[in-house]
Amino acid sequence: MKIVIGYPPTVSEKGLALLSQNRQFQWFSHATSIFPVVLGSAATMLKAQGHDVTWLDCVAEGIDMPCFTTRIQQAQPDFFIFETKTPVIKQHWQLVKDLKSHFPQMKIVMLGDHVTHLPRETMEAAPVDYVVCGGDFDFALAALLDSIQNDTPIPHGVLSRKDGVICGNDQFELASVLDTAPMIDRALTKWELYQREYNLQGKPFMYIMSGRDCWHGQCTFCAWPTLFPRFRVRSPQNVIDEVQMLVDRYGVKEIFDDSGTLNIGKWLSEFCDKLIASGLSNKTMYSCNMRFGALGLENYKLMKKAGFRLLKFGLESANQETLDRLKKKITVEDITEGCKMAKQAGLNVHLTMIVGYPWETKEDALRTLALAKHLMQKGYADVLQATTLVPYPGTPMHEEAVKNDGFLFNPKDYDRFDMGEPVLKAKMKPEEVREICNMIYKIFLTPQYVWQRIKSIRHPQDLAFLARGAKAVLGHLRDFGKEKDRARI
């Protein structure tokens, strides 16, 4: 069968859609494209099944609707498969209606965290043929296409239509063994489109996932536990094989492992030992997501020896009450100590934080700002990002807000969940939330931070990296700026 898989045109005057491989959607002023690992795996699996697969990421390629329609007309695919998210779900429902009016014989399949939590909603709102639930949609799509070809029952975790009636079972299972997935076909999935990411220093770089998704999996604001309610991990050797292939075939200089949190314990020690023994520690850098309180100094030192460069931590808040309510299971002291240990080992630290918790006052948010400023200006952290709190359907925080009438507007106004404005009633005013997000990004412009960065310069590529970072910071300031806010009103 002929299959087109990727992302359709997703457009707005608000900016560029940061849709792929992104836990939290945002319209960006600064062009960014992140490789969608699971969708890339899906395309690879379908090709391995013998299907004629075309990768079409209209967001990354800058393809508009007329060009997209022409591509579909030329390809005449049997299936169009794409991933969606809450802030653009209504736009995508309309797109499905338009596609069905022009290409009634083409089957349309939708994936992602929103439709996983509310699959019937999408089946009722648009003439989509299949909704695949769960995060293992690479394995699920392969099973679905196999069942269609062989006229066997549709697998669990898929809703479909039969004679106009919605049928199927949305109870998905995460039973797939990740080591059995083929290595992603980077040529098929056009890896070169995904080299716009300011925070990765080595080029070319590649995204992979050694696990799905986070072994902690309890943070009340995070949507990805909806996709991956059970953490699974690939074997260290399986991941090493992929890294070796990427280095040998593409000359990759940096890997970003986008597991929600990299596995720790014996797995991490074995993985680091294999990076060192294989010589990969001297050929490519490795970066990943990590949790505070999970590792000690010796772990960080081993990671540095194995070629790790950057660790991305969720700081979230400098208020212990907030950390407890989010079920982070860390202390504020863990944050500071974790940064110091990682830096002592020679690693770069990337912090993420959230503004706009319903229970936090402006003074609480300013405390988070103060901690971030201290860590950045003292050289205990290198990079940060701030986001407005936007809990998607399926998250515990969203369910709590629905129960307690906690939204500032109708929670079905999904297009407003795009981080352009606060969505929850809070002790802070909406303009204060945006102001503090802006203040957090302005830490990059303080003389103390700039001096820390100047002292860190060791190679000419460091200067290029800093220039890309400065451009991205200016973009973030526009994203949270007043001019954009006025355009919304």
Foldseek 3Di string as FASTA:
>chain_A
DEEEEAADDQDDPLAQWAWAPDQAIAHFPADAHADRALSLLLQVLVVVVVYRYAYDHCRLVVNDDVRVVVVCVVRVGQEYEYEDDLQCLVVVQVVQQVCCVVNVRRAYEYEYLQCLQVVVVSVVSHVHFKYAHAQNVSVLVSQQVVCVVVVHDRDALMWGDDPRDIDHHNDDDPPDQVLPRDQRPCVSNVVVSRCQDLVDQWPPEHEHAQKQADCLLQFQQTRRCSRVVDIDGHQLVSVVVNLVCCCVPPVHAEYEHHHNADDDDPRLLVNLVVLVVVVVLVRHAYEYEHEQPPDDLVSLLSNVSSRYAEYEYELAFLDQVVCVVRVSPDHSVSVQNVLQSNVVSPHAYEYEYEFDDAEDALVRLVSRLVVLLVCLLVVSHQHYAYFYRQRDPPGNVVVVCVVVVFFPDPNSSSSVSRRLWHTGHHNDDGLSRLVSNLSSLCSCVDPSNVVSLVVVDDDPSSVVSVVSVVVSSVRVNVSSDPVSVVVVD
